[in-house]
Structure formats: C-alpha cells, structure tokens
Amino acid sequence: MNGYGTVEAIYRQLGIGVIKKENGERIIFTAGSVKGGDQGFQDIEEGEDVYYRVFNDKIDSIGIARDVWKKHDGGK
C-alpha cells in the first residue's frame, strides 16, 4: 500500500517515527526506511507531510513503512 500522511512523532534516539494518515491510522517508520538514510531521517521534522510505502504485514494492526520520503521531494 502506498500513501501519504503527516509525521506525528519522531524518536530520534530510537531511530523510529510515526506517520498519521488522514483517517487517523498510524504507520511506523525507521531511519533505514527514509530516503537518504540516516541524514534523511535527521532532516524529517514533526508536522511534515511525507509519502510512504508499507510492508504487507502489520504488527498489531499498525503498518510498517518500507520507504518514506518528503512530500515536497515530488514523490521520487
């Protein structure tokens, strides 16, 4: 599944973040899933809009992103 949402929280020391979709569902992402790797993860801020792709599997009904990139990057 592909989509977009807003970064709700970033836990930099843990290397994870949470994306909130328009419908209220949440997607978890890791530093390794962000375009640009660790630097890309550091550049993402709470409140920023991002695109994402998720794995088919979920953990306790929460999606896990495999690719995340800033919406203003043109979806590349």
N, C-alpha and C. Protein backbone atom coordinates (compact mmCIF):
# COMPACT_ATOMS: atom_id res chain seq x y z
N MET A 1 0.84 -1.17 0.00
CA MET A 1 0.00 0.00 0.00
C MET A 1 0.89 1.24 0.00
N ASN A 2 0.49 2.21 -0.75
CA ASN A 2 1.19 3.48 -0.82
C ASN A 2 0.27 4.57 -0.30
N GLY A 3 0.83 5.62 0.24
CA GLY A 3 0.01 6.71 0.72
C GLY A 3 0.84 7.88 1.17
N TYR A 4 0.15 8.81 1.81
CA TYR A 4 0.86 9.92 2.41
C TYR A 4 0.18 10.32 3.70
N GLY A 5 0.93 11.00 4.54
CA GLY A 5 0.42 11.43 5.82
C GLY A 5 1.35 12.46 6.42
N THR A 6 1.14 12.74 7.68
CA THR A 6 1.92 13.75 8.39
C THR A 6 2.72 13.07 9.49
N VAL A 7 3.99 13.47 9.62
CA VAL A 7 4.83 12.91 10.67
C VAL A 7 4.27 13.42 12.00
N GLU A 8 3.81 12.48 12.81
CA GLU A 8 3.22 12.83 14.10
C GLU A 8 4.27 12.90 15.21
N ALA A 9 5.23 11.99 15.17
CA ALA A 9 6.26 11.94 16.21
C ALA A 9 7.54 11.33 15.64
N ILE A 10 8.67 11.81 16.17
CA ILE A 10 9.97 11.23 15.81
C ILE A 10 10.72 10.96 17.11
N TYR A 11 11.21 9.74 17.24
CA TYR A 11 12.01 9.34 18.38
C TYR A 11 13.42 9.07 17.85
N ARG A 12 14.18 10.15 17.72
CA ARG A 12 15.49 10.07 17.06
C ARG A 12 16.44 9.10 17.75
N GLN A 13 16.46 9.06 19.06
CA GLN A 13 17.37 8.15 19.76
C GLN A 13 17.03 6.69 19.49
N LEU A 14 15.77 6.41 19.20
CA LEU A 14 15.36 5.05 18.88
C LEU A 14 15.42 4.77 17.38
N GLY A 15 15.52 5.82 16.58
CA GLY A 15 15.56 5.66 15.13
C GLY A 15 14.21 5.29 14.53
N ILE A 16 13.12 5.73 15.17
CA ILE A 16 11.78 5.45 14.64
C ILE A 16 10.92 6.71 14.65
N GLY A 17 9.88 6.66 13.85
CA GLY A 17 8.92 7.75 13.81
C GLY A 17 7.53 7.20 13.52
N VAL A 18 6.54 8.08 13.63
CA VAL A 18 5.15 7.70 13.42
C VAL A 18 4.53 8.67 12.43
N ILE A 19 3.87 8.11 11.42
CA ILE A 19 3.12 8.88 10.44
C ILE A 19 1.64 8.72 10.75
N LYS A 20 0.91 9.81 10.75
CA LYS A 20 -0.53 9.75 10.96
C LYS A 20 -1.22 10.02 9.62
N LYS A 21 -2.04 9.06 9.20
CA LYS A 21 -2.79 9.20 7.96
C LYS A 21 -4.01 10.09 8.19
N GLU A 22 -4.62 10.57 7.12
CA GLU A 22 -5.79 11.43 7.23
C GLU A 22 -6.93 10.77 8.00
N ASN A 23 -7.05 9.45 7.89
CA ASN A 23 -8.14 8.74 8.57
C ASN A 23 -7.81 8.41 10.02
N GLY A 24 -6.65 8.87 10.51
CA GLY A 24 -6.28 8.65 11.91
C GLY A 24 -5.41 7.44 12.15
N GLU A 25 -5.30 6.55 11.17
CA GLU A 25 -4.43 5.39 11.32
C GLU A 25 -2.97 5.84 11.39
N ARG A 26 -2.15 5.01 12.01
CA ARG A 26 -0.74 5.35 12.16
C ARG A 26 0.15 4.31 11.46
N ILE A 27 1.26 4.80 10.94
CA ILE A 27 2.26 3.99 10.27
C ILE A 27 3.58 4.25 11.00
N ILE A 28 4.30 3.20 11.34
CA ILE A 28 5.61 3.34 11.97
C ILE A 28 6.69 3.27 10.89
N PHE A 29 7.72 4.10 11.03
CA PHE A 29 8.84 4.03 10.10
C PHE A 29 10.15 4.07 10.88
N THR A 30 11.20 3.56 10.24
CA THR A 30 12.53 3.55 10.86
C THR A 30 13.47 4.46 10.06
N ALA A 31 14.59 4.78 10.66
CA ALA A 31 15.59 5.61 9.97
C ALA A 31 16.02 4.95 8.67
N GLY A 32 16.11 3.63 8.67
CA GLY A 32 16.53 2.90 7.47
C GLY A 32 15.54 2.92 6.34
N SER A 33 14.29 3.28 6.62
CA SER A 33 13.28 3.30 5.56
C SER A 33 13.18 4.67 4.89
N VAL A 34 13.86 5.68 5.42
CA VAL A 34 13.76 7.04 4.90
C VAL A 34 14.72 7.24 3.74
N LYS A 35 14.22 7.87 2.68
CA LYS A 35 15.07 8.22 1.53
C LYS A 35 16.21 9.10 2.04
N GLY A 36 17.42 8.73 1.73
CA GLY A 36 18.59 9.46 2.20
C GLY A 36 19.19 8.88 3.46
N GLY A 37 18.64 7.75 3.93
CA GLY A 37 19.21 7.05 5.08
C GLY A 37 19.17 7.87 6.36
N ASP A 38 20.24 7.77 7.14
CA ASP A 38 20.28 8.46 8.43
C ASP A 38 20.15 9.97 8.29
N GLN A 39 20.79 10.55 7.28
CA GLN A 39 20.69 12.00 7.09
C GLN A 39 19.26 12.39 6.72
N GLY A 40 18.62 11.60 5.87
CA GLY A 40 17.23 11.85 5.51
C GLY A 40 16.33 11.77 6.73
N PHE A 41 16.60 10.82 7.61
CA PHE A 41 15.82 10.69 8.85
C PHE A 41 16.01 11.92 9.72
N GLN A 42 17.24 12.42 9.83
CA GLN A 42 17.51 13.61 10.63
C GLN A 42 16.83 14.85 10.06
N ASP A 43 16.62 14.88 8.75
CA ASP A 43 16.02 16.04 8.09
C ASP A 43 14.51 16.09 8.20
N ILE A 44 13.87 14.98 8.53
CA ILE A 44 12.41 14.95 8.66
C ILE A 44 12.01 15.55 10.01
N GLU A 45 10.98 16.39 9.97
CA GLU A 45 10.50 17.05 11.18
C GLU A 45 9.06 16.66 11.47
N GLU A 46 8.67 16.73 12.73
CA GLU A 46 7.28 16.51 13.10
C GLU A 46 6.42 17.56 12.41
N GLY A 47 5.26 17.14 11.93
CA GLY A 47 4.34 18.03 11.24
C GLY A 47 4.55 18.08 9.74
N GLU A 48 5.62 17.45 9.25
CA GLU A 48 5.94 17.45 7.83
C GLU A 48 5.13 16.38 7.10
N ASP A 49 4.72 16.67 5.88
CA ASP A 49 3.99 15.70 5.06
C ASP A 49 4.99 14.79 4.35
N VAL A 50 4.69 13.49 4.34
CA VAL A 50 5.56 12.50 3.70
C VAL A 50 4.73 11.49 2.91
N TYR A 51 5.36 10.91 1.92
CA TYR A 51 4.82 9.75 1.21
C TYR A 51 5.44 8.51 1.84
N TYR A 52 4.77 7.38 1.67
CA TYR A 52 5.33 6.14 2.21
C TYR A 52 4.80 4.94 1.42
N ARG A 53 5.54 3.84 1.52
CA ARG A 53 5.12 2.52 1.05
C ARG A 53 5.24 1.61 2.26
N VAL A 54 4.29 0.71 2.43
CA VAL A 54 4.33 -0.15 3.61
C VAL A 54 4.49 -1.61 3.21
N PHE A 55 4.99 -2.39 4.17
CA PHE A 55 5.02 -3.84 4.02
C PHE A 55 3.59 -4.36 4.09
N ASN A 56 3.34 -5.51 3.52
CA ASN A 56 2.00 -6.11 3.58
C ASN A 56 1.63 -6.53 4.99
N ASP A 57 2.63 -6.98 5.77
CA ASP A 57 2.38 -7.43 7.13
C ASP A 57 2.22 -6.24 8.07
N LYS A 58 1.45 -6.43 9.12
CA LYS A 58 1.27 -5.41 10.14
C LYS A 58 1.64 -5.98 11.50
N ILE A 59 1.91 -5.10 12.44
CA ILE A 59 2.15 -5.51 13.81
C ILE A 59 1.00 -4.95 14.63
N ASP A 60 0.17 -5.84 15.16
CA ASP A 60 -0.98 -5.43 15.96
C ASP A 60 -1.79 -4.36 15.23
N SER A 61 -2.06 -4.58 13.96
CA SER A 61 -2.86 -3.73 13.06
C SER A 61 -2.20 -2.40 12.71
N ILE A 62 -0.93 -2.21 13.03
CA ILE A 62 -0.21 -0.99 12.67
C ILE A 62 0.73 -1.30 11.52
N GLY A 63 0.65 -0.48 10.47
CA GLY A 63 1.50 -0.66 9.31
C GLY A 63 2.93 -0.24 9.58
N ILE A 64 3.86 -0.88 8.87
CA ILE A 64 5.28 -0.57 8.97
C ILE A 64 5.77 -0.11 7.60
N ALA A 65 6.33 1.08 7.53
CA ALA A 65 6.79 1.64 6.26
C ALA A 65 8.11 1.01 5.84
N ARG A 66 8.23 0.75 4.54
CA ARG A 66 9.50 0.27 4.00
C ARG A 66 10.22 1.37 3.23
N ASP A 67 9.48 2.39 2.78
CA ASP A 67 10.05 3.56 2.10
C ASP A 67 9.30 4.80 2.57
N VAL A 68 10.04 5.85 2.91
CA VAL A 68 9.45 7.12 3.33
C VAL A 68 10.25 8.24 2.68
N TRP A 69 9.55 9.23 2.14
CA TRP A 69 10.22 10.40 1.59
C TRP A 69 9.32 11.61 1.73
N LYS A 70 9.95 12.78 1.80
CA LYS A 70 9.21 14.02 1.98
C LYS A 70 8.29 14.28 0.80
N LYS A 71 7.12 14.77 1.09
CA LYS A 71 6.13 15.04 0.04
C LYS A 71 6.64 16.07 -0.96
N HIS A 72 7.36 17.07 -0.50
CA HIS A 72 7.84 18.11 -1.42
C HIS A 72 8.99 17.65 -2.31
N ASP A 73 9.47 16.40 -2.11
CA ASP A 73 10.51 15.84 -2.99
C ASP A 73 9.92 15.37 -4.32
N GLY A 74 8.61 15.55 -4.50
CA GLY A 74 7.97 15.18 -5.75
C GLY A 74 7.63 13.70 -5.83
N GLY A 75 7.68 12.99 -4.73
CA GLY A 75 7.33 11.58 -4.72
C GLY A 75 8.35 10.68 -5.36
N LYS A 76 9.58 11.14 -5.47
CA LYS A 76 10.62 10.35 -6.12
C LYS A 76 11.27 9.39 -5.14
